[in-house]
C-alpha atoms as a PDB file:
ATOM      1  CA  SER A   1      65.607 157.799 295.146  1.00  0.00           C
ATOM      2  CA  ILE A   2      64.282 154.357 296.094  1.00  0.00           C
ATOM      3  CA  VAL A   3      64.906 153.463 299.738  1.00  0.00           C
ATOM      4  CA  ASN A   4      66.114 150.131 301.123  1.00  0.00           C
ATOM      5  CA  LYS A   5      68.312 149.270 298.165  1.00  0.00           C
ATOM      6  CA  HIS A   6      70.333 146.791 300.191  1.00  0.00           C
ATOM      7  CA  LEU A   7      71.088 144.551 297.224  1.00  0.00           C
ATOM      8  CA  VAL A   8      71.546 145.787 293.654  1.00  0.00           C
ATOM      9  CA  PHE A   9      72.450 143.740 290.590  1.00  0.00           C
ATOM     10  CA  TYR A  10      73.667 145.515 287.472  1.00  0.00           C
ATOM     11  CA  SER A  11      73.307 143.950 284.034  1.00  0.00           C
ATOM     12  CA  GLU A  12      74.835 145.346 280.875  1.00  0.00           C
ATOM     13  CA  ARG A  13      72.477 143.423 278.596  1.00  0.00           C
ATOM     14  CA  SER A  14      69.504 141.101 278.691  1.00  0.00           C
ATOM     15  CA  GLY A  15      71.611 137.988 278.222  1.00  0.00           C
ATOM     16  CA  TYR A  16      73.472 138.526 281.475  1.00  0.00           C
ATOM     17  CA  TYR A  17      70.641 137.439 283.767  1.00  0.00           C
ATOM     18  CA  LYS A  18      71.706 133.812 283.300  1.00  0.00           C
ATOM     19  CA  TYR A  19      74.897 134.543 285.264  1.00  0.00           C
ATOM     20  CA  TYR A  20      72.888 135.901 288.195  1.00  0.00           C
ATOM     21  CA  GLU A  21      69.962 133.500 288.028  1.00  0.00           C
ATOM     22  CA  ALA A  22      71.207 130.945 290.583  1.00  0.00           C
ATOM     23  CA  VAL A  23      72.036 133.656 293.133  1.00  0.00           C
ATOM     24  CA  ILE A  24      68.779 135.536 292.629  1.00  0.00           C
ATOM     25  CA  ASP A  25      66.669 132.368 292.780  1.00  0.00           C
ATOM     26  CA  TYR A  26      68.413 131.274 295.964  1.00  0.00           C
ATOM     27  CA  LEU A  27      67.980 134.673 297.618  1.00  0.00           C
ATOM     28  CA  LEU A  28      64.306 134.886 296.663  1.00  0.00           C
ATOM     29  CA  GLU A  29      63.692 131.394 298.037  1.00  0.00           C
ATOM     30  CA  HIS A  30      65.746 131.590 301.231  1.00  0.00           C
ATOM     31  CA  THR A  31      65.624 135.240 302.335  1.00  0.00           C
ATOM     32  CA  ASN A  32      63.187 138.116 302.528  1.00  0.00           C
ATOM     33  CA  LEU A  33      65.540 140.517 300.719  1.00  0.00           C
ATOM     34  CA  ALA A  34      64.253 142.809 298.032  1.00  0.00           C
ATOM     35  CA  ILE A  35      66.432 142.583 294.946  1.00  0.00           C
ATOM     36  CA  HIS A  36      66.927 145.639 292.766  1.00  0.00           C
ATOM     37  CA  TYR A  37      68.011 144.734 289.243  1.00  0.00           C
ATOM     38  CA  VAL A  38      69.318 147.580 287.111  1.00  0.00           C
ATOM     39  CA  THR A  39      69.818 146.931 283.414  1.00  0.00           C
ATOM     40  CA  SER A  40      71.097 148.964 280.481  1.00  0.00           C
ATOM     41  CA  ASP A  41      68.865 147.025 278.098  1.00  0.00           C
ATOM     42  CA  ALA A  42      65.326 148.377 277.704  1.00  0.00           C
ATOM     43  CA  GLU A  43      64.308 145.003 276.242  1.00  0.00           C
ATOM     44  CA  ASP A  44      65.845 142.970 279.073  1.00  0.00           C
ATOM     45  CA  ALA A  45      63.987 139.739 279.826  1.00  0.00           C
ATOM     46  CA  ILE A  46      64.004 140.711 283.512  1.00  0.00           C
ATOM     47  CA  PHE A  47      60.964 142.890 282.803  1.00  0.00           C
ATOM     48  CA  THR A  48      58.905 139.774 282.003  1.00  0.00           C
ATOM     49  CA  MET A  49      59.632 138.191 285.384  1.00  0.00           C
ATOM     50  CA  ASN A  50      57.088 138.552 288.087  1.00  0.00           C
ATOM     51  CA  HIS A  51      58.185 138.328 291.706  1.00  0.00           C
ATOM     52  CA  PRO A  52      57.121 140.811 294.383  1.00  0.00           C
ATOM     53  CA  ARG A  53      60.673 141.206 295.724  1.00  0.00           C
ATOM     54  CA  LEU A  54      62.428 141.466 292.348  1.00  0.00           C
ATOM     55  CA  HIS A  55      62.410 145.077 291.168  1.00  0.00           C
ATOM     56  CA  ALA A  56      63.746 145.824 287.695  1.00  0.00           C
ATOM     57  CA  TYR A  57      64.867 149.209 286.388  1.00  0.00           C
ATOM     58  CA  TYR A  58      66.149 150.401 283.039  1.00  0.00           C
ATOM     59  CA  ILE A  59      68.869 153.015 282.895  1.00  0.00           C
ATOM     60  CA  GLY A  60      70.273 154.327 279.635  1.00  0.00           C
ATOM     61  CA  GLU A  61      73.992 154.562 278.943  1.00  0.00           C
ATOM     62  CA  LYS A  62      74.021 158.349 279.371  1.00  0.00           C
ATOM     63  CA  LYS A  63      72.796 158.165 282.968  1.00  0.00           C
ATOM     64  CA  LEU A  64      74.767 155.080 283.967  1.00  0.00           C
ATOM     65  CA  ILE A  65      77.880 156.969 285.058  1.00  0.00           C
ATOM     66  CA  THR A  66      75.782 159.192 287.312  1.00  0.00           C
ATOM     67  CA  LEU A  67      73.969 156.164 288.747  1.00  0.00           C
ATOM     68  CA  PHE A  68      77.254 154.507 289.683  1.00  0.00           C
ATOM     69  CA  MET A  69      78.638 157.691 291.246  1.00  0.00           C
ATOM     70  CA  LYS A  70      75.502 158.262 293.355  1.00  0.00           C
ATOM     71  CA  LEU A  71      74.654 154.650 294.157  1.00  0.00           C
ATOM     72  CA  ASP A  72      73.323 154.100 297.653  1.00  0.00           C
ATOM     73  CA  ALA A  73      73.196 150.385 298.419  1.00  0.00           C
ATOM     74  CA  ASP A  74      74.788 147.888 300.777  1.00  0.00           C
ATOM     75  CA  VAL A  75      75.818 145.340 298.144  1.00  0.00           C
ATOM     76  CA  VAL A  76      76.277 145.686 294.374  1.00  0.00           C
ATOM     77  CA  VAL A  77      76.700 142.562 292.233  1.00  0.00           C
ATOM     78  CA  MET A  78      78.118 142.865 288.731  1.00  0.00           C
ATOM     79  CA  THR A  79      79.668 140.909 285.871  1.00  0.00           C
ATOM     80  CA  MET A  80      81.386 144.003 284.503  1.00  0.00           C
ATOM     81  CA  PRO A  81      85.160 143.991 285.012  1.00  0.00           C
ATOM     82  CA  GLU A  82      87.295 147.100 285.316  1.00  0.00           C
ATOM     83  CA  ILE A  83      85.167 149.140 287.671  1.00  0.00           C
ATOM     84  CA  GLU A  84      87.149 152.254 288.699  1.00  0.00           C
ATOM     85  CA  LYS A  85      89.497 151.799 285.746  1.00  0.00           C
ATOM     86  CA  TYR A  86      87.625 153.785 283.131  1.00  0.00           C
ATOM     87  CA  HIS A  87      84.389 155.778 283.353  1.00  0.00           C
ATOM     88  CA  TYR A  88      82.393 153.470 285.684  1.00  0.00           C
ATOM     89  CA  LYS A  89      83.411 154.229 289.232  1.00  0.00           C
ATOM     90  CA  ARG A  90      82.484 153.046 292.686  1.00  0.00           C
ATOM     91  CA  SER A  91      79.954 155.183 294.512  1.00  0.00           C
ATOM     92  CA  LEU A  92      81.070 158.598 295.697  1.00  0.00           C
ATOM     93  CA  LEU A  93      78.056 158.720 298.000  1.00  0.00           C
ATOM     94  CA  ARG A  94      78.872 155.590 300.005  1.00  0.00           C
ATOM     95  CA  LYS A  95      82.355 154.214 300.536  1.00  0.00           C
ATOM     96  CA  ASP A  96      81.152 151.116 302.410  1.00  0.00           C
ATOM     97  CA  ILE A  97      79.333 149.394 299.537  1.00  0.00           C
ATOM     98  CA  GLU A  98      80.392 145.775 299.057  1.00  0.00           C
ATOM     99  CA  TYR A  99      81.096 145.271 295.341  1.00  0.00           C
ATOM    100  CA  ILE A 100      80.857 141.639 294.230  1.00  0.00           C
ATOM    101  CA  TYR A 101      82.074 140.319 290.895  1.00  0.00           C
ATOM    102  CA  ILE A 102      80.504 137.239 289.292  1.00  0.00           C
ATOM    103  CA  PHE A 103      82.359 135.787 286.325  1.00  0.00           C
ATOM    104  CA  HIS A 104      80.506 135.331 283.066  1.00  0.00           C
ATOM    105  CA  ALA A 105      83.312 133.150 281.726  1.00  0.00           C
ATOM    106  CA  MET A 106      85.220 130.253 283.269  1.00  0.00           C
ATOM    107  CA  VAL A 107      88.569 131.277 281.767  1.00  0.00           C
ATOM    108  CA  SER A 108      91.652 132.531 283.527  1.00  0.00           C
ATOM    109  CA  THR A 109      91.581 136.039 284.991  1.00  0.00           C
ATOM    110  CA  HIS A 110      94.414 137.047 282.673  1.00  0.00           C
ATOM    111  CA  MET A 111      93.298 135.284 279.503  1.00  0.00           C
ATOM    112  CA  ILE A 112      90.524 137.556 278.213  1.00  0.00           C
ATOM    113  CA  TYR A 113      90.553 140.287 280.844  1.00  0.00           C
ATOM    114  CA  ARG A 114      92.779 143.348 280.954  1.00  0.00           C
ATOM    115  CA  PRO A 115      95.245 143.822 283.794  1.00  0.00           C
ATOM    116  CA  GLN A 116      93.647 145.187 286.975  1.00  0.00           C
ATOM    117  CA  ALA A 117      90.170 144.136 285.823  1.00  0.00           C
ATOM    118  CA  PHE A 118      89.194 142.943 289.321  1.00  0.00           C
ATOM    119  CA  ASP A 119      91.347 145.152 291.551  1.00  0.00           C
ATOM    120  CA  HIS A 120      88.499 147.343 292.792  1.00  0.00           C
ATOM    121  CA  TYR A 121      86.049 144.629 293.775  1.00  0.00           C
ATOM    122  CA  ASP A 122      85.702 143.635 297.410  1.00  0.00           C
ATOM    123  CA  THR A 123      84.484 140.096 296.782  1.00  0.00           C
ATOM    124  CA  ILE A 124      84.978 137.742 293.865  1.00  0.00           C
ATOM    125  CA  PHE A 125      82.788 134.688 293.254  1.00  0.00           C
ATOM    126  CA  CYS A 126      85.414 132.281 291.907  1.00  0.00           C
ATOM    127  CA  VAL A 127      84.549 129.677 289.288  1.00  0.00           C
ATOM    128  CA  GLY A 128      87.376 127.392 290.377  1.00  0.00           C
ATOM    129  CA  PRO A 129      90.712 127.192 292.155  1.00  0.00           C
ATOM    130  CA  HIS A 130      92.422 128.842 289.168  1.00  0.00           C
ATOM    131  CA  HIS A 131      90.613 132.104 289.919  1.00  0.00           C
ATOM    132  CA  ARG A 132      91.535 131.918 293.589  1.00  0.00           C
ATOM    133  CA  ARG A 133      95.247 131.359 292.777  1.00  0.00           C
ATOM    134  CA  GLU A 134      95.381 134.050 290.090  1.00  0.00           C
ATOM    135  CA  ILE A 135      93.636 136.701 292.177  1.00  0.00           C
ATOM    136  CA  ARG A 136      95.839 136.026 295.206  1.00  0.00           C
ATOM    137  CA  GLU A 137      98.928 136.203 293.002  1.00  0.00           C
ATOM    138  CA  ALA A 138      97.797 139.538 291.520  1.00  0.00           C
ATOM    139  CA  GLU A 139      97.160 140.886 295.029  1.00  0.00           C
ATOM    140  CA  SER A 140     100.678 139.876 296.009  1.00  0.00           C
ATOM    141  CA  MET A 141     102.342 141.245 292.857  1.00  0.00           C
ATOM    142  CA  TYR A 142     100.548 144.594 292.922  1.00  0.00           C
ATOM    143  CA  HIS A 143     100.340 144.992 296.732  1.00  0.00           C
ATOM    144  CA  LEU A 144      96.541 145.015 296.747  1.00  0.00           C
ATOM    145  CA  PRO A 145      94.375 144.478 299.805  1.00  0.00           C
ATOM    146  CA  PRO A 146      93.039 140.915 299.930  1.00  0.00           C
ATOM    147  CA  LYS A 147      89.583 140.346 298.540  1.00  0.00           C
ATOM    148  CA  LYS A 148      86.977 137.973 299.871  1.00  0.00           C
ATOM    149  CA  LEU A 149      87.064 134.985 297.546  1.00  0.00           C
ATOM    150  CA  VAL A 150      83.980 132.783 297.443  1.00  0.00           C
ATOM    151  CA  ASP A 151      84.106 129.311 295.918  1.00  0.00           C
ATOM    152  CA  PHE A 152      81.077 129.691 293.712  1.00  0.00           C
ATOM    153  CA  GLY A 153      81.525 127.435 290.713  1.00  0.00           C
ATOM    154  CA  TYR A 154      79.714 128.111 287.481  1.00  0.00           C
ATOM    155  CA  PRO A 155      75.952 127.676 287.966  1.00  0.00           C
ATOM    156  CA  LEU A 156      75.294 128.140 284.249  1.00  0.00           C
ATOM    157  CA  LEU A 157      77.284 124.967 283.538  1.00  0.00           C
ATOM    158  CA  ASP A 158      75.444 123.144 286.326  1.00  0.00           C
ATOM    159  CA  LYS A 159      72.132 124.184 284.764  1.00  0.00           C
ATOM    160  CA  LEU A 160      73.254 122.999 281.323  1.00  0.00           C
ATOM    161  CA  ARG A 161      74.238 119.632 282.820  1.00  0.00           C
ATOM    162  CA  GLU A 162      70.883 119.309 284.576  1.00  0.00           C
ATOM    163  CA  ASP A 163      68.989 120.221 281.408  1.00  0.00           C
ATOM    164  CA  TYR A 164      71.007 117.688 279.420  1.00  0.00           C
ATOM    165  CA  SER A 165      70.452 114.915 281.956  1.00  0.00           C
ATOM    166  CA  ARG A 166      66.684 115.525 281.826  1.00  0.00           C
ATOM    167  CA  ALA A 167      66.530 115.777 278.045  1.00  0.00           C
ATOM    168  CA  LYS A 168      65.354 112.811 276.030  1.00  0.00           C
ATOM    169  CA  LYS A 169      68.270 111.529 273.999  1.00  0.00           C
ATOM    170  CA  PRO A 170      67.892 109.813 270.634  1.00  0.00           C
ATOM    171  CA  GLU A 171      69.089 106.218 270.675  1.00  0.00           C
ATOM    172  CA  GLY A 172      72.027 105.168 268.562  1.00  0.00           C
ATOM    173  CA  CYS A 173      72.909 108.701 267.474  1.00  0.00           C
ATOM    174  CA  PHE A 174      76.033 110.697 268.061  1.00  0.00           C
ATOM    175  CA  GLN A 175      75.773 114.272 269.196  1.00  0.00           C
ATOM    176  CA  VAL A 176      78.235 116.843 267.925  1.00  0.00           C
ATOM    177  CA  LEU A 177      78.640 120.292 269.417  1.00  0.00           C
ATOM    178  CA  ILE A 178      80.024 122.991 267.173  1.00  0.00           C
ATOM    179  CA  ALA A 179      80.842 126.211 268.966  1.00  0.00           C
ATOM    180  CA  PRO A 180      82.878 129.352 268.322  1.00  0.00           C
ATOM    181  CA  SER A 181      86.403 129.300 269.702  1.00  0.00           C
END
């Protein structure tokens, strides 16, 4: 029931803010847009942030389907693939909403994602040229309308690089990174 929801971000969990952070920070610094941030995590860190144009809302899983069906916004930004494929659908109320997908992984679109995971998005923020090629190929193979593809990169990696370059490094020591596959 909130008016002027021009821009809505949806987050499945608290840890997903890091994928939106660069976009949200840029918009808050360079525009006068109000940002509505809907999360399915009652403990989301977004609720600790304090900016007059960043409005956070919690919605439980049971009401999420209804929210999506009745969404009234101009732009919706998500990291959740497979919209329209299962129970989360595009708005029935407004057919002109621009749905934007931001990747939370740098991998290929067909490596960890199911087929048709991105078919119902209008715009995709591509990590690299591999996403652009793969999405265009899928559009061709499945006769899909072309999406807007934005060369976006991976701001989380950029932030990690910046943090590392600023960090004090021990002299004469090797650093080893052990990570899950």
